[in-house]
Amino acid sequence: VASWGAYLLSRDILTVSFAPRDTHEAQVQFALERGVPALIGILASIRLPYPSRAFDMAHCSRCLIPWGQYGTFIRP
């Protein structure tokens, strides 16, 4: 869940990992115990409690979110 975030944290880049509530719960707990920010949530069904411009970049591993559809692509 947070291996990429842990790698970037070692380079002073703060990330937060999101994981669904299924088999990833233990991985999120593991990440939090090591100081890597992580949340449990499903991005396709809820809106995040952050403004749309709160992120500099979004990366999705194996997700089905149509980032470029309907003009919702995050651009700087």
PDB file of N, CA and C in Angstrom:
ATOM      1  N   VAL A   1       0.822  -1.194   0.000  1.00  0.00           N
ATOM      2  CA  VAL A   1       0.000   0.000   0.000  1.00  0.00           C
ATOM      3  C   VAL A   1       0.858   1.246   0.000  1.00  0.00           C
ATOM      4  N   ALA A   2       1.856   1.312   0.841  1.00  0.00           N
ATOM      5  CA  ALA A   2       2.595   2.561   0.999  1.00  0.00           C
ATOM      6  C   ALA A   2       4.075   2.441   0.676  1.00  0.00           C
ATOM      7  N   SER A   3       4.472   1.442  -0.082  1.00  0.00           N
ATOM      8  CA  SER A   3       5.897   1.284  -0.376  1.00  0.00           C
ATOM      9  C   SER A   3       6.430   2.445  -1.203  1.00  0.00           C
ATOM     10  N   TRP A   4       5.632   2.918  -2.170  1.00  0.00           N
ATOM     11  CA  TRP A   4       6.056   4.065  -2.974  1.00  0.00           C
ATOM     12  C   TRP A   4       6.112   5.317  -2.106  1.00  0.00           C
ATOM     13  N   GLY A   5       5.148   5.465  -1.201  1.00  0.00           N
ATOM     14  CA  GLY A   5       5.143   6.599  -0.279  1.00  0.00           C
ATOM     15  C   GLY A   5       6.337   6.580   0.654  1.00  0.00           C
ATOM     16  N   ALA A   6       6.717   5.400   1.129  1.00  0.00           N
ATOM     17  CA  ALA A   6       7.889   5.289   1.999  1.00  0.00           C
ATOM     18  C   ALA A   6       9.162   5.634   1.238  1.00  0.00           C
ATOM     19  N   TYR A   7       9.231   5.221  -0.019  1.00  0.00           N
ATOM     20  CA  TYR A   7      10.390   5.556  -0.844  1.00  0.00           C
ATOM     21  C   TYR A   7      10.493   7.071  -1.033  1.00  0.00           C
ATOM     22  N   LEU A   8       9.373   7.713  -1.341  1.00  0.00           N
ATOM     23  CA  LEU A   8       9.393   9.161  -1.545  1.00  0.00           C
ATOM     24  C   LEU A   8       9.630   9.915  -0.244  1.00  0.00           C
ATOM     25  N   LEU A   9       9.152   9.371   0.883  1.00  0.00           N
ATOM     26  CA  LEU A   9       9.385  10.006   2.175  1.00  0.00           C
ATOM     27  C   LEU A   9      10.873  10.079   2.483  1.00  0.00           C
ATOM     28  N   SER A  10      11.624   9.077   2.044  1.00  0.00           N
ATOM     29  CA  SER A  10      13.077   9.102   2.244  1.00  0.00           C
ATOM     30  C   SER A  10      13.738  10.213   1.435  1.00  0.00           C
ATOM     31  N   ARG A  11      13.018  10.753   0.463  1.00  0.00           N
ATOM     32  CA  ARG A  11      13.512  11.868  -0.358  1.00  0.00           C
ATOM     33  C   ARG A  11      12.811  13.180   0.001  1.00  0.00           C
ATOM     34  N   ASP A  12      12.237  13.237   1.210  1.00  0.00           N
ATOM     35  CA  ASP A  12      11.553  14.430   1.741  1.00  0.00           C
ATOM     36  C   ASP A  12      10.342  14.850   0.915  1.00  0.00           C
ATOM     37  N   ILE A  13       9.633  13.882   0.337  1.00  0.00           N
ATOM     38  CA  ILE A  13       8.383  14.147  -0.380  1.00  0.00           C
ATOM     39  C   ILE A  13       7.271  13.457   0.393  1.00  0.00           C
ATOM     40  N   LEU A  14       6.300  14.227   0.867  1.00  0.00           N
ATOM     41  CA  LEU A  14       5.215  13.681   1.672  1.00  0.00           C
ATOM     42  C   LEU A  14       4.090  13.187   0.782  1.00  0.00           C
ATOM     43  N   THR A  15       3.655  11.959   1.008  1.00  0.00           N
ATOM     44  CA  THR A  15       2.567  11.356   0.243  1.00  0.00           C
ATOM     45  C   THR A  15       1.530  10.807   1.214  1.00  0.00           C
ATOM     46  N   VAL A  16       0.381  10.460   0.686  1.00  0.00           N
ATOM     47  CA  VAL A  16      -0.624   9.731   1.462  1.00  0.00           C
ATOM     48  C   VAL A  16      -1.164   8.618   0.572  1.00  0.00           C
ATOM     49  N   SER A  17      -1.271   7.427   1.128  1.00  0.00           N
ATOM     50  CA  SER A  17      -1.761   6.271   0.377  1.00  0.00           C
ATOM     51  C   SER A  17      -3.201   5.983   0.765  1.00  0.00           C
ATOM     52  N   PHE A  18      -4.022   5.651  -0.218  1.00  0.00           N
ATOM     53  CA  PHE A  18      -5.415   5.274  -0.003  1.00  0.00           C
ATOM     54  C   PHE A  18      -5.562   3.808  -0.366  1.00  0.00           C
ATOM     55  N   ALA A  19      -6.277   3.065   0.441  1.00  0.00           N
ATOM     56  CA  ALA A  19      -6.495   1.643   0.170  1.00  0.00           C
ATOM     57  C   ALA A  19      -7.943   1.293   0.476  1.00  0.00           C
ATOM     58  N   PRO A  20      -8.497   0.336  -0.257  1.00  0.00           N
ATOM     59  CA  PRO A  20      -9.874  -0.087   0.023  1.00  0.00           C
ATOM     60  C   PRO A  20      -9.948  -0.900   1.313  1.00  0.00           C
ATOM     61  N   ARG A  21     -11.142  -0.955   1.866  1.00  0.00           N
ATOM     62  CA  ARG A  21     -11.335  -1.721   3.098  1.00  0.00           C
ATOM     63  C   ARG A  21     -11.578  -3.183   2.729  1.00  0.00           C
ATOM     64  N   ASP A  22     -10.549  -3.901   2.529  1.00  0.00           N
ATOM     65  CA  ASP A  22     -10.642  -5.338   2.248  1.00  0.00           C
ATOM     66  C   ASP A  22      -9.380  -5.991   2.787  1.00  0.00           C
ATOM     67  N   THR A  23      -8.594  -6.557   1.954  1.00  0.00           N
ATOM     68  CA  THR A  23      -7.375  -7.227   2.409  1.00  0.00           C
ATOM     69  C   THR A  23      -6.240  -6.256   2.707  1.00  0.00           C
ATOM     70  N   HIS A  24      -6.427  -4.962   2.441  1.00  0.00           N
ATOM     71  CA  HIS A  24      -5.351  -3.988   2.630  1.00  0.00           C
ATOM     72  C   HIS A  24      -5.343  -3.345   4.017  1.00  0.00           C
ATOM     73  N   GLU A  25      -6.298  -3.669   4.881  1.00  0.00           N
ATOM     74  CA  GLU A  25      -6.360  -3.034   6.195  1.00  0.00           C
ATOM     75  C   GLU A  25      -5.074  -3.240   6.986  1.00  0.00           C
ATOM     76  N   ALA A  26      -4.528  -4.447   6.970  1.00  0.00           N
ATOM     77  CA  ALA A  26      -3.292  -4.724   7.699  1.00  0.00           C
ATOM     78  C   ALA A  26      -2.125  -3.938   7.111  1.00  0.00           C
ATOM     79  N   GLN A  27      -2.102  -3.759   5.796  1.00  0.00           N
ATOM     80  CA  GLN A  27      -1.023  -3.003   5.162  1.00  0.00           C
ATOM     81  C   GLN A  27      -1.094  -1.529   5.538  1.00  0.00           C
ATOM     82  N   VAL A  28      -2.312  -0.981   5.654  1.00  0.00           N
ATOM     83  CA  VAL A  28      -2.458   0.414   6.070  1.00  0.00           C
ATOM     84  C   VAL A  28      -1.975   0.573   7.503  1.00  0.00           C
ATOM     85  N   GLN A  29      -2.342  -0.346   8.381  1.00  0.00           N
ATOM     86  CA  GLN A  29      -1.873  -0.304   9.768  1.00  0.00           C
ATOM     87  C   GLN A  29      -0.353  -0.389   9.821  1.00  0.00           C
ATOM     88  N   PHE A  30       0.235  -1.248   9.017  1.00  0.00           N
ATOM     89  CA  PHE A  30       1.689  -1.399   8.946  1.00  0.00           C
ATOM     90  C   PHE A  30       2.342  -0.086   8.513  1.00  0.00           C
ATOM     91  N   ALA A  31       1.761   0.571   7.517  1.00  0.00           N
ATOM     92  CA  ALA A  31       2.300   1.848   7.036  1.00  0.00           C
ATOM     93  C   ALA A  31       2.212   2.914   8.120  1.00  0.00           C
ATOM     94  N   LEU A  32       1.060   3.003   8.788  1.00  0.00           N
ATOM     95  CA  LEU A  32       0.882   4.013   9.831  1.00  0.00           C
ATOM     96  C   LEU A  32       1.847   3.805  10.991  1.00  0.00           C
ATOM     97  N   GLU A  33       2.115   2.571  11.343  1.00  0.00           N
ATOM     98  CA  GLU A  33       3.054   2.282  12.431  1.00  0.00           C
ATOM     99  C   GLU A  33       4.463   2.735  12.092  1.00  0.00           C
ATOM    100  N   ARG A  34       4.773   2.853  10.824  1.00  0.00           N
ATOM    101  CA  ARG A  34       6.100   3.286  10.389  1.00  0.00           C
ATOM    102  C   ARG A  34       6.155   4.758  10.005  1.00  0.00           C
ATOM    103  N   GLY A  35       5.070   5.479  10.255  1.00  0.00           N
ATOM    104  CA  GLY A  35       5.063   6.920  10.016  1.00  0.00           C
ATOM    105  C   GLY A  35       4.735   7.341   8.604  1.00  0.00           C
ATOM    106  N   VAL A  36       4.258   6.416   7.782  1.00  0.00           N
ATOM    107  CA  VAL A  36       3.876   6.745   6.406  1.00  0.00           C
ATOM    108  C   VAL A  36       2.377   7.022   6.389  1.00  0.00           C
ATOM    109  N   PRO A  37       1.939   8.212   5.961  1.00  0.00           N
ATOM    110  CA  PRO A  37       0.505   8.522   5.945  1.00  0.00           C
ATOM    111  C   PRO A  37      -0.274   7.574   5.035  1.00  0.00           C
ATOM    112  N   ALA A  38      -1.405   7.079   5.535  1.00  0.00           N
ATOM    113  CA  ALA A  38      -2.251   6.173   4.761  1.00  0.00           C
ATOM    114  C   ALA A  38      -3.689   6.282   5.254  1.00  0.00           C
ATOM    115  N   LEU A  39      -4.637   6.059   4.362  1.00  0.00           N
ATOM    116  CA  LEU A  39      -6.065   6.096   4.677  1.00  0.00           C
ATOM    117  C   LEU A  39      -6.747   4.884   4.078  1.00  0.00           C
ATOM    118  N   ILE A  40      -7.874   4.514   4.677  1.00  0.00           N
ATOM    119  CA  ILE A  40      -8.725   3.491   4.077  1.00  0.00           C
ATOM    120  C   ILE A  40      -9.929   4.202   3.493  1.00  0.00           C
ATOM    121  N   GLY A  41     -10.168   4.010   2.221  1.00  0.00           N
ATOM    122  CA  GLY A  41     -11.302   4.642   1.560  1.00  0.00           C
ATOM    123  C   GLY A  41     -11.363   4.216   0.108  1.00  0.00           C
ATOM    124  N   ILE A  42     -12.540   4.322  -0.467  1.00  0.00           N
ATOM    125  CA  ILE A  42     -12.721   3.962  -1.869  1.00  0.00           C
ATOM    126  C   ILE A  42     -12.931   5.244  -2.660  1.00  0.00           C
ATOM    127  N   LEU A  43     -11.990   5.581  -3.515  1.00  0.00           N
ATOM    128  CA  LEU A  43     -12.039   6.847  -4.238  1.00  0.00           C
ATOM    129  C   LEU A  43     -13.173   6.915  -5.244  1.00  0.00           C
ATOM    130  N   ALA A  44     -13.628   5.801  -5.723  1.00  0.00           N
ATOM    131  CA  ALA A  44     -14.675   5.817  -6.738  1.00  0.00           C
ATOM    132  C   ALA A  44     -16.052   6.099  -6.155  1.00  0.00           C
ATOM    133  N   SER A  45     -16.225   5.934  -4.844  1.00  0.00           N
ATOM    134  CA  SER A  45     -17.559   6.080  -4.268  1.00  0.00           C
ATOM    135  C   SER A  45     -17.715   7.253  -3.318  1.00  0.00           C
ATOM    136  N   ILE A  46     -16.619   7.875  -2.899  1.00  0.00           N
ATOM    137  CA  ILE A  46     -16.717   9.019  -1.995  1.00  0.00           C
ATOM    138  C   ILE A  46     -15.853  10.155  -2.513  1.00  0.00           C
ATOM    139  N   ARG A  47     -16.176  11.347  -2.081  1.00  0.00           N
ATOM    140  CA  ARG A  47     -15.326  12.488  -2.413  1.00  0.00           C
ATOM    141  C   ARG A  47     -14.373  12.715  -1.248  1.00  0.00           C
ATOM    142  N   LEU A  48     -13.134  12.962  -1.557  1.00  0.00           N
ATOM    143  CA  LEU A  48     -12.147  13.189  -0.514  1.00  0.00           C
ATOM    144  C   LEU A  48     -12.432  14.500   0.204  1.00  0.00           C
ATOM    145  N   PRO A  49     -12.127  14.570   1.490  1.00  0.00           N
ATOM    146  CA  PRO A  49     -12.386  15.801   2.243  1.00  0.00           C
ATOM    147  C   PRO A  49     -11.308  16.863   2.039  1.00  0.00           C
ATOM    148  N   TYR A  50     -10.740  16.916   0.850  1.00  0.00           N
ATOM    149  CA  TYR A  50      -9.704  17.887   0.527  1.00  0.00           C
ATOM    150  C   TYR A  50     -10.128  18.673  -0.708  1.00  0.00           C
ATOM    151  N   PRO A  51      -9.707  19.935  -0.820  1.00  0.00           N
ATOM    152  CA  PRO A  51      -9.999  20.690  -2.053  1.00  0.00           C
ATOM    153  C   PRO A  51      -9.342  20.023  -3.263  1.00  0.00           C
ATOM    154  N   SER A  52      -9.915  20.227  -4.430  1.00  0.00           N
ATOM    155  CA  SER A  52      -9.397  19.561  -5.628  1.00  0.00           C
ATOM    156  C   SER A  52      -7.976  19.984  -5.972  1.00  0.00           C
ATOM    157  N   ARG A  53      -7.545  21.144  -5.565  1.00  0.00           N
ATOM    158  CA  ARG A  53      -6.182  21.602  -5.863  1.00  0.00           C
ATOM    159  C   ARG A  53      -5.220  21.381  -4.692  1.00  0.00           C
ATOM    160  N   ALA A  54      -5.589  20.505  -3.763  1.00  0.00           N
ATOM    161  CA  ALA A  54      -4.738  20.248  -2.603  1.00  0.00           C
ATOM    162  C   ALA A  54      -3.562  19.332  -2.944  1.00  0.00           C
ATOM    163  N   PHE A  55      -3.619  18.682  -4.095  1.00  0.00           N
ATOM    164  CA  PHE A  55      -2.586  17.726  -4.471  1.00  0.00           C
ATOM    165  C   PHE A  55      -1.768  18.261  -5.637  1.00  0.00           C
ATOM    166  N   ASP A  56      -0.463  18.043  -5.581  1.00  0.00           N
ATOM    167  CA  ASP A  56       0.402  18.398  -6.699  1.00  0.00           C
ATOM    168  C   ASP A  56       0.391  17.306  -7.761  1.00  0.00           C
ATOM    169  N   MET A  57       0.133  16.077  -7.329  1.00  0.00           N
ATOM    170  CA  MET A  57       0.151  14.956  -8.252  1.00  0.00           C
ATOM    171  C   MET A  57      -0.715  13.834  -7.681  1.00  0.00           C
ATOM    172  N   ALA A  58      -1.327  13.061  -8.555  1.00  0.00           N
ATOM    173  CA  ALA A  58      -2.074  11.871  -8.136  1.00  0.00           C
ATOM    174  C   ALA A  58      -1.554  10.679  -8.922  1.00  0.00           C
ATOM    175  N   HIS A  59      -1.358   9.574  -8.236  1.00  0.00           N
ATOM    176  CA  HIS A  59      -0.887   8.346  -8.873  1.00  0.00           C
ATOM    177  C   HIS A  59      -1.809   7.222  -8.439  1.00  0.00           C
ATOM    178  N   CYS A  60      -2.255   6.441  -9.378  1.00  0.00           N
ATOM    179  CA  CYS A  60      -3.183   5.358  -9.068  1.00  0.00           C
ATOM    180  C   CYS A  60      -2.609   4.046  -9.593  1.00  0.00           C
ATOM    181  N   SER A  61      -2.430   3.112  -8.712  1.00  0.00           N
ATOM    182  CA  SER A  61      -1.907   1.803  -9.093  1.00  0.00           C
ATOM    183  C   SER A  61      -3.053   0.809  -9.166  1.00  0.00           C
ATOM    184  N   ARG A  62      -3.294   0.276 -10.351  1.00  0.00           N
ATOM    185  CA  ARG A  62      -4.341  -0.718 -10.583  1.00  0.00           C
ATOM    186  C   ARG A  62      -5.733  -0.231 -10.194  1.00  0.00           C
ATOM    187  N   CYS A  63      -6.079   0.979 -10.550  1.00  0.00           N
ATOM    188  CA  CYS A  63      -7.421   1.468 -10.246  1.00  0.00           C
ATOM    189  C   CYS A  63      -8.201   1.667 -11.540  1.00  0.00           C
ATOM    190  N   LEU A  64      -9.479   1.859 -11.411  1.00  0.00           N
ATOM    191  CA  LEU A  64     -10.343   2.018 -12.577  1.00  0.00           C
ATOM    192  C   LEU A  64     -10.933   3.421 -12.651  1.00  0.00           C
ATOM    193  N   ILE A  65     -10.267   4.395 -12.067  1.00  0.00           N
ATOM    194  CA  ILE A  65     -10.763   5.766 -12.074  1.00  0.00           C
ATOM    195  C   ILE A  65     -10.440   6.403 -13.421  1.00  0.00           C
ATOM    196  N   PRO A  66     -11.442   6.897 -14.144  1.00  0.00           N
ATOM    197  CA  PRO A  66     -11.200   7.549 -15.441  1.00  0.00           C
ATOM    198  C   PRO A  66     -10.728   8.992 -15.231  1.00  0.00           C
ATOM    199  N   TRP A  67      -9.444   9.183 -14.914  1.00  0.00           N
ATOM    200  CA  TRP A  67      -8.930  10.504 -14.556  1.00  0.00           C
ATOM    201  C   TRP A  67      -9.162  11.543 -15.646  1.00  0.00           C
ATOM    202  N   GLY A  68      -9.076  11.176 -16.904  1.00  0.00           N
ATOM    203  CA  GLY A  68      -9.202  12.144 -17.984  1.00  0.00           C
ATOM    204  C   GLY A  68     -10.601  12.313 -18.529  1.00  0.00           C
ATOM    205  N   GLN A  69     -11.552  11.567 -18.021  1.00  0.00           N
ATOM    206  CA  GLN A  69     -12.915  11.618 -18.539  1.00  0.00           C
ATOM    207  C   GLN A  69     -13.688  12.784 -17.919  1.00  0.00           C
ATOM    208  N   TYR A  70     -14.553  13.386 -18.696  1.00  0.00           N
ATOM    209  CA  TYR A  70     -15.437  14.472 -18.242  1.00  0.00           C
ATOM    210  C   TYR A  70     -14.676  15.707 -17.767  1.00  0.00           C
ATOM    211  N   GLY A  71     -13.469  15.915 -18.242  1.00  0.00           N
ATOM    212  CA  GLY A  71     -12.710  17.110 -17.881  1.00  0.00           C
ATOM    213  C   GLY A  71     -12.271  17.131 -16.433  1.00  0.00           C
ATOM    214  N   THR A  72     -12.103  15.965 -15.819  1.00  0.00           N
ATOM    215  CA  THR A  72     -11.738  15.918 -14.405  1.00  0.00           C
ATOM    216  C   THR A  72     -10.260  15.661 -14.180  1.00  0.00           C
ATOM    217  N   PHE A  73      -9.474  15.676 -15.237  1.00  0.00           N
ATOM    218  CA  PHE A  73      -8.045  15.423 -15.102  1.00  0.00           C
ATOM    219  C   PHE A  73      -7.418  16.518 -14.252  1.00  0.00           C
ATOM    220  N   ILE A  74      -6.592  16.144 -13.292  1.00  0.00           N
ATOM    221  CA  ILE A  74      -5.945  17.122 -12.414  1.00  0.00           C
ATOM    222  C   ILE A  74      -4.792  17.758 -13.169  1.00  0.00           C
ATOM    223  N   ARG A  75      -4.866  19.044 -13.352  1.00  0.00           N
ATOM    224  CA  ARG A  75      -3.813  19.781 -14.065  1.00  0.00           C
ATOM    225  C   ARG A  75      -3.290  20.900 -13.183  1.00  0.00           C
ATOM    226  N   PRO A  76      -2.006  21.232 -13.294  1.00  0.00           N
ATOM    227  CA  PRO A  76      -1.463  22.340 -12.483  1.00  0.00           C
ATOM    228  C   PRO A  76      -1.983  23.679 -12.939  1.00  0.00           C
TER     229      PRO A  76
END
